[in-house]
């Protein structure tokens, strides 16, 4: 696998996962009550616990996105 193919792969991974991160963040900011009502139908959870869980997962996803998508893509662009 050459550097250009790997760079394109990480570019698309970064675009797709970044879009998912932006969508998830915007849903949590713009419609938090709707997200809570939707999730509380499936899982009985208090609002405080829901807030901790959803923002913890959001932070974890952001860290994983940066470490495994954005940083490798930037490194490949620099060396390519």
N, C-alpha and C. Protein backbone atom coordinates (compact mmCIF):
# COMPACT_ATOMS: atom_id res chain seq x y z
N UNK A 1 0.85 -1.17 0.00
CA UNK A 1 0.00 0.00 0.00
C UNK A 1 0.90 1.24 0.00
N UNK A 2 0.67 2.11 -0.94
CA UNK A 2 1.51 3.31 -1.04
C UNK A 2 0.97 4.44 -0.17
N UNK A 3 1.78 5.48 -0.04
CA UNK A 3 1.44 6.61 0.85
C UNK A 3 0.20 7.35 0.37
N UNK A 4 0.03 7.49 -0.93
CA UNK A 4 -1.12 8.23 -1.45
C UNK A 4 -2.43 7.51 -1.13
N UNK A 5 -2.45 6.19 -1.26
CA UNK A 5 -3.65 5.43 -0.92
C UNK A 5 -3.95 5.52 0.57
N UNK A 6 -2.91 5.41 1.38
CA UNK A 6 -3.08 5.51 2.82
C UNK A 6 -3.55 6.91 3.23
N UNK A 7 -3.02 7.92 2.56
CA UNK A 7 -3.44 9.30 2.84
C UNK A 7 -4.91 9.50 2.49
N UNK A 8 -5.33 8.98 1.33
CA UNK A 8 -6.74 9.08 0.95
C UNK A 8 -7.64 8.33 1.92
N UNK A 9 -7.19 7.15 2.36
CA UNK A 9 -7.96 6.38 3.34
C UNK A 9 -8.17 7.18 4.63
N UNK A 10 -7.10 7.75 5.17
CA UNK A 10 -7.22 8.52 6.40
C UNK A 10 -7.98 9.82 6.19
N UNK A 11 -7.91 10.38 4.99
CA UNK A 11 -8.68 11.58 4.69
C UNK A 11 -10.18 11.26 4.79
N UNK A 12 -10.61 10.17 4.17
CA UNK A 12 -12.02 9.81 4.21
C UNK A 12 -12.45 9.38 5.61
N UNK A 13 -11.59 8.69 6.33
CA UNK A 13 -11.91 8.34 7.72
C UNK A 13 -12.10 9.60 8.55
N UNK A 14 -11.23 10.58 8.35
CA UNK A 14 -11.32 11.83 9.09
C UNK A 14 -12.59 12.59 8.73
N UNK A 15 -12.93 12.63 7.44
CA UNK A 15 -14.15 13.32 7.01
C UNK A 15 -15.39 12.65 7.58
N UNK A 16 -15.49 11.34 7.45
CA UNK A 16 -16.68 10.63 7.93
C UNK A 16 -16.81 10.68 9.45
N UNK A 17 -15.74 10.40 10.16
CA UNK A 17 -15.82 10.43 11.62
C UNK A 17 -15.96 11.86 12.15
N UNK A 18 -15.35 12.83 11.49
CA UNK A 18 -15.53 14.23 11.87
C UNK A 18 -16.97 14.68 11.68
N UNK A 19 -17.58 14.24 10.60
CA UNK A 19 -18.99 14.57 10.35
C UNK A 19 -19.88 13.95 11.42
N UNK A 20 -19.59 12.71 11.78
CA UNK A 20 -20.35 12.05 12.84
C UNK A 20 -20.18 12.79 14.17
N UNK A 21 -18.98 13.23 14.46
CA UNK A 21 -18.72 13.98 15.69
C UNK A 21 -19.47 15.31 15.69
N UNK A 22 -19.47 16.01 14.57
CA UNK A 22 -20.19 17.28 14.48
C UNK A 22 -21.69 17.07 14.60
N UNK A 23 -22.22 16.02 13.96
CA UNK A 23 -23.65 15.72 14.05
C UNK A 23 -24.04 15.40 15.49
N UNK A 24 -23.28 14.53 16.13
CA UNK A 24 -23.58 14.13 17.50
C UNK A 24 -23.51 15.33 18.45
N UNK A 25 -22.47 16.15 18.29
CA UNK A 25 -22.32 17.34 19.14
C UNK A 25 -23.46 18.31 18.92
N UNK A 26 -23.82 18.54 17.66
CA UNK A 26 -24.91 19.48 17.39
C UNK A 26 -26.25 18.96 17.92
N UNK A 27 -26.47 17.66 17.86
CA UNK A 27 -27.70 17.10 18.43
C UNK A 27 -27.74 17.30 19.94
N UNK A 28 -26.60 17.11 20.59
CA UNK A 28 -26.55 17.29 22.05
C UNK A 28 -26.69 18.75 22.46
N UNK A 29 -26.26 19.66 21.60
CA UNK A 29 -26.35 21.08 21.93
C UNK A 29 -27.71 21.66 21.55
N UNK A 30 -28.21 21.31 20.35
CA UNK A 30 -29.43 21.94 19.84
C UNK A 30 -30.71 21.25 20.30
N UNK A 31 -30.66 19.94 20.54
CA UNK A 31 -31.88 19.22 20.90
C UNK A 31 -31.62 18.23 22.04
N UNK A 32 -31.13 18.70 23.19
CA UNK A 32 -30.80 17.77 24.27
C UNK A 32 -32.02 17.07 24.86
N UNK A 33 -33.16 17.78 24.93
CA UNK A 33 -34.36 17.17 25.49
C UNK A 33 -34.89 16.05 24.58
N UNK A 34 -34.85 16.28 23.27
CA UNK A 34 -35.29 15.26 22.32
C UNK A 34 -34.41 14.01 22.40
N UNK A 35 -33.10 14.21 22.48
CA UNK A 35 -32.17 13.08 22.58
C UNK A 35 -32.43 12.32 23.88
N UNK A 36 -32.64 13.04 24.97
CA UNK A 36 -32.91 12.38 26.25
C UNK A 36 -34.21 11.58 26.20
N UNK A 37 -35.27 12.18 25.65
CA UNK A 37 -36.55 11.47 25.56
C UNK A 37 -36.43 10.22 24.70
N UNK A 38 -35.71 10.32 23.60
CA UNK A 38 -35.52 9.18 22.72
C UNK A 38 -34.76 8.06 23.42
N UNK A 39 -33.69 8.40 24.11
CA UNK A 39 -32.89 7.38 24.78
C UNK A 39 -33.57 6.84 26.03
N UNK A 40 -34.32 7.66 26.73
CA UNK A 40 -34.96 7.19 27.95
C UNK A 40 -36.11 6.23 27.66
N UNK A 41 -36.59 6.19 26.43
CA UNK A 41 -37.59 5.19 26.07
C UNK A 41 -36.97 3.80 26.04
N UNK A 42 -35.70 3.72 25.65
CA UNK A 42 -35.01 2.44 25.55
C UNK A 42 -34.35 2.04 26.86
N UNK A 43 -33.76 3.01 27.54
CA UNK A 43 -33.03 2.74 28.77
C UNK A 43 -33.54 3.66 29.87
N UNK A 44 -34.09 3.11 30.95
CA UNK A 44 -34.54 3.97 32.05
C UNK A 44 -33.33 4.58 32.77
N UNK A 45 -33.16 5.89 32.62
CA UNK A 45 -31.98 6.57 33.16
C UNK A 45 -32.38 7.97 33.58
N UNK A 46 -31.79 8.44 34.65
CA UNK A 46 -32.10 9.80 35.10
C UNK A 46 -31.40 10.82 34.18
N UNK A 47 -31.90 12.04 34.23
CA UNK A 47 -31.35 13.09 33.36
C UNK A 47 -29.90 13.41 33.71
N UNK A 48 -29.57 13.43 34.99
CA UNK A 48 -28.20 13.73 35.41
C UNK A 48 -27.24 12.65 34.93
N UNK A 49 -27.64 11.39 35.10
CA UNK A 49 -26.80 10.28 34.64
C UNK A 49 -26.66 10.30 33.13
N UNK A 50 -27.75 10.61 32.44
CA UNK A 50 -27.70 10.70 30.98
C UNK A 50 -26.71 11.76 30.53
N UNK A 51 -26.75 12.93 31.17
CA UNK A 51 -25.82 14.00 30.80
C UNK A 51 -24.37 13.56 30.99
N UNK A 52 -24.07 12.91 32.10
CA UNK A 52 -22.70 12.45 32.35
C UNK A 52 -22.28 11.43 31.30
N UNK A 53 -23.17 10.48 31.02
CA UNK A 53 -22.84 9.41 30.07
C UNK A 53 -22.66 9.97 28.67
N UNK A 54 -23.58 10.79 28.20
CA UNK A 54 -23.53 11.26 26.81
C UNK A 54 -22.31 12.17 26.59
N UNK A 55 -22.00 13.03 27.54
CA UNK A 55 -20.85 13.91 27.37
C UNK A 55 -19.54 13.17 27.58
N UNK A 56 -19.54 12.12 28.38
CA UNK A 56 -18.34 11.28 28.52
C UNK A 56 -18.05 10.54 27.22
N UNK A 57 -19.09 9.97 26.62
CA UNK A 57 -18.91 9.29 25.33
C UNK A 57 -18.50 10.27 24.25
N UNK A 58 -19.06 11.46 24.28
CA UNK A 58 -18.70 12.48 23.30
C UNK A 58 -17.23 12.86 23.44
N UNK A 59 -16.76 13.03 24.65
CA UNK A 59 -15.35 13.34 24.87
C UNK A 59 -14.44 12.20 24.48
N UNK A 60 -14.83 10.97 24.80
CA UNK A 60 -14.04 9.81 24.41
C UNK A 60 -13.97 9.68 22.90
N UNK A 61 -15.09 9.88 22.21
CA UNK A 61 -15.11 9.80 20.75
C UNK A 61 -14.22 10.87 20.14
N UNK A 62 -14.22 12.06 20.73
CA UNK A 62 -13.38 13.15 20.22
C UNK A 62 -11.90 12.80 20.36
N UNK A 63 -11.51 12.24 21.48
CA UNK A 63 -10.11 11.84 21.68
C UNK A 63 -9.71 10.74 20.71
N UNK A 64 -10.58 9.74 20.56
CA UNK A 64 -10.29 8.64 19.64
C UNK A 64 -10.23 9.15 18.20
N UNK A 65 -11.12 10.06 17.85
CA UNK A 65 -11.11 10.66 16.51
C UNK A 65 -9.80 11.38 16.24
N UNK A 66 -9.35 12.17 17.19
CA UNK A 66 -8.10 12.90 17.00
C UNK A 66 -6.90 11.97 16.91
N UNK A 67 -6.83 10.99 17.79
CA UNK A 67 -5.66 10.11 17.86
C UNK A 67 -5.59 9.16 16.67
N UNK A 68 -6.72 8.59 16.26
CA UNK A 68 -6.69 7.55 15.25
C UNK A 68 -7.09 8.00 13.85
N UNK A 69 -7.59 9.23 13.68
CA UNK A 69 -7.97 9.71 12.35
C UNK A 69 -7.23 10.98 11.96
N UNK A 70 -7.40 12.02 12.74
CA UNK A 70 -6.87 13.32 12.34
C UNK A 70 -5.34 13.38 12.39
N UNK A 71 -4.74 12.89 13.46
CA UNK A 71 -3.28 12.96 13.58
C UNK A 71 -2.57 12.10 12.52
N UNK A 72 -2.99 10.84 12.28
CA UNK A 72 -2.34 10.09 11.21
C UNK A 72 -2.51 10.74 9.84
N UNK A 73 -3.69 11.33 9.58
CA UNK A 73 -3.89 12.00 8.29
C UNK A 73 -2.95 13.19 8.14
N UNK A 74 -2.84 14.00 9.17
CA UNK A 74 -1.94 15.18 9.10
C UNK A 74 -0.48 14.71 8.94
N UNK A 75 -0.10 13.66 9.65
CA UNK A 75 1.27 13.15 9.53
C UNK A 75 1.54 12.65 8.11
N UNK A 76 0.59 11.95 7.50
CA UNK A 76 0.78 11.47 6.14
C UNK A 76 0.82 12.61 5.13
N UNK A 77 0.04 13.65 5.37
CA UNK A 77 0.08 14.81 4.48
C UNK A 77 1.45 15.50 4.58
N UNK A 78 1.98 15.57 5.79
CA UNK A 78 3.29 16.23 5.98
C UNK A 78 4.40 15.43 5.29
N UNK A 79 4.38 14.11 5.44
CA UNK A 79 5.49 13.34 4.84
C UNK A 79 5.26 13.04 3.37
N UNK A 80 4.01 13.20 2.90
CA UNK A 80 3.70 12.91 1.49
C UNK A 80 4.12 14.05 0.63
